[in-house]
Amino acid sequence: MSHPDFFEGLMDWPVYGPRDSRIADRVEELAAMGQRLVEIEDVILAALDARLVAVRNPPTSS
């Protein structure tokens, strides 16, 4: 893969997860409020899916 973050994060992502501890903090806070992990992961997945759509289909200027 030719990506600037490949060796400094992407390779380890599936094992170690995000580097930004704020993400884990938010997950723990939502869990403490009663959210199930599957629900939290659904929110994360929906946000990532929305970003993929935006990147794949950038707005065109008229």
C-alpha atoms as a PDB file:
ATOM      1  CA  MET A   1       0.000   0.000   0.000  1.00  0.00           C
ATOM      2  CA  SER A   2       1.308   3.434  -0.888  1.00  0.00           C
ATOM      3  CA  HIS A   3       0.029   5.628   1.941  1.00  0.00           C
ATOM      4  CA  PRO A   4       2.019   7.956   4.230  1.00  0.00           C
ATOM      5  CA  ASP A   5       0.485   6.392   7.347  1.00  0.00           C
ATOM      6  CA  PHE A   6       0.940   2.760   6.311  1.00  0.00           C
ATOM      7  CA  PHE A   7       3.900   1.839   8.522  1.00  0.00           C
ATOM      8  CA  GLU A   8       3.109   4.411  11.215  1.00  0.00           C
ATOM      9  CA  GLY A   9      -0.433   3.369  12.013  1.00  0.00           C
ATOM     10  CA  LEU A  10      -2.489   1.622   9.374  1.00  0.00           C
ATOM     11  CA  MET A  11      -0.639  -1.695   9.681  1.00  0.00           C
ATOM     12  CA  ASP A  12      -1.308  -1.767  13.434  1.00  0.00           C
ATOM     13  CA  TRP A  13      -4.848  -0.374  13.358  1.00  0.00           C
ATOM     14  CA  PRO A  14      -6.711  -3.729  13.427  1.00  0.00           C
ATOM     15  CA  VAL A  15      -4.682  -4.870  16.444  1.00  0.00           C
ATOM     16  CA  TYR A  16      -4.107  -1.720  18.482  1.00  0.00           C
ATOM     17  CA  GLY A  17      -6.931   0.561  17.389  1.00  0.00           C
ATOM     18  CA  PRO A  18      -6.867   4.340  17.282  1.00  0.00           C
ATOM     19  CA  ARG A  19      -3.898   6.355  18.478  1.00  0.00           C
ATOM     20  CA  ASP A  20      -6.096   9.219  19.629  1.00  0.00           C
ATOM     21  CA  SER A  21      -7.103   8.413  23.204  1.00  0.00           C
ATOM     22  CA  ARG A  22     -10.102  10.755  22.890  1.00  0.00           C
ATOM     23  CA  ILE A  23     -11.801   8.090  20.774  1.00  0.00           C
ATOM     24  CA  ALA A  24     -11.481   5.525  23.578  1.00  0.00           C
ATOM     25  CA  ASP A  25     -12.603   8.168  26.076  1.00  0.00           C
ATOM     26  CA  ARG A  26     -15.780   8.810  24.067  1.00  0.00           C
ATOM     27  CA  VAL A  27     -16.485   5.088  23.776  1.00  0.00           C
ATOM     28  CA  GLU A  28     -16.050   4.619  27.531  1.00  0.00           C
ATOM     29  CA  GLU A  29     -18.259   7.622  28.264  1.00  0.00           C
ATOM     30  CA  LEU A  30     -21.039   6.330  26.031  1.00  0.00           C
ATOM     31  CA  ALA A  31     -20.722   2.866  27.584  1.00  0.00           C
ATOM     32  CA  ALA A  32     -20.947   4.413  31.055  1.00  0.00           C
ATOM     33  CA  MET A  33     -24.219   6.020  29.944  1.00  0.00           C
ATOM     34  CA  GLY A  34     -25.601   2.593  29.065  1.00  0.00           C
ATOM     35  CA  GLN A  35     -24.800   2.347  25.362  1.00  0.00           C
ATOM     36  CA  ARG A  36     -23.904  -1.152  24.208  1.00  0.00           C
ATOM     37  CA  LEU A  37     -20.612  -1.565  22.367  1.00  0.00           C
ATOM     38  CA  VAL A  38     -22.425  -2.770  19.244  1.00  0.00           C
ATOM     39  CA  GLU A  39     -24.440   0.475  19.221  1.00  0.00           C
ATOM     40  CA  ILE A  40     -21.306   2.576  19.627  1.00  0.00           C
ATOM     41  CA  GLU A  41     -19.607   0.689  16.802  1.00  0.00           C
ATOM     42  CA  ASP A  42     -22.685   1.306  14.625  1.00  0.00           C
ATOM     43  CA  VAL A  43     -22.254   5.055  15.184  1.00  0.00           C
ATOM     44  CA  ILE A  44     -18.557   4.859  14.273  1.00  0.00           C
ATOM     45  CA  LEU A  45     -19.317   2.799  11.170  1.00  0.00           C
ATOM     46  CA  ALA A  46     -22.055   5.216  10.063  1.00  0.00           C
ATOM     47  CA  ALA A  47     -19.645   8.159  10.404  1.00  0.00           C
ATOM     48  CA  LEU A  48     -16.976   6.332   8.398  1.00  0.00           C
ATOM     49  CA  ASP A  49     -19.509   5.346   5.731  1.00  0.00           C
ATOM     50  CA  ALA A  50     -20.655   8.969   5.427  1.00  0.00           C
ATOM     51  CA  ARG A  51     -17.046  10.098   5.024  1.00  0.00           C
ATOM     52  CA  LEU A  52     -16.455   7.475   2.317  1.00  0.00           C
ATOM     53  CA  VAL A  53     -19.482   8.718   0.389  1.00  0.00           C
ATOM     54  CA  ALA A  54     -18.238  12.316   0.661  1.00  0.00           C
ATOM     55  CA  VAL A  55     -14.721  11.413  -0.485  1.00  0.00           C
ATOM     56  CA  ARG A  56     -15.930   9.225  -3.333  1.00  0.00           C
ATOM     57  CA  ASN A  57     -18.442  11.839  -4.513  1.00  0.00           C
ATOM     58  CA  PRO A  58     -16.986  15.286  -3.854  1.00  0.00           C
ATOM     59  CA  PRO A  59     -19.342  18.194  -4.515  1.00  0.00           C
ATOM     60  CA  THR A  60     -18.935  19.768  -7.926  1.00  0.00           C
ATOM     61  CA  SER A  61     -18.746  23.539  -8.246  1.00  0.00           C
ATOM     62  CA  SER A  62     -21.178  25.119 -10.643  1.00  0.00           C
END
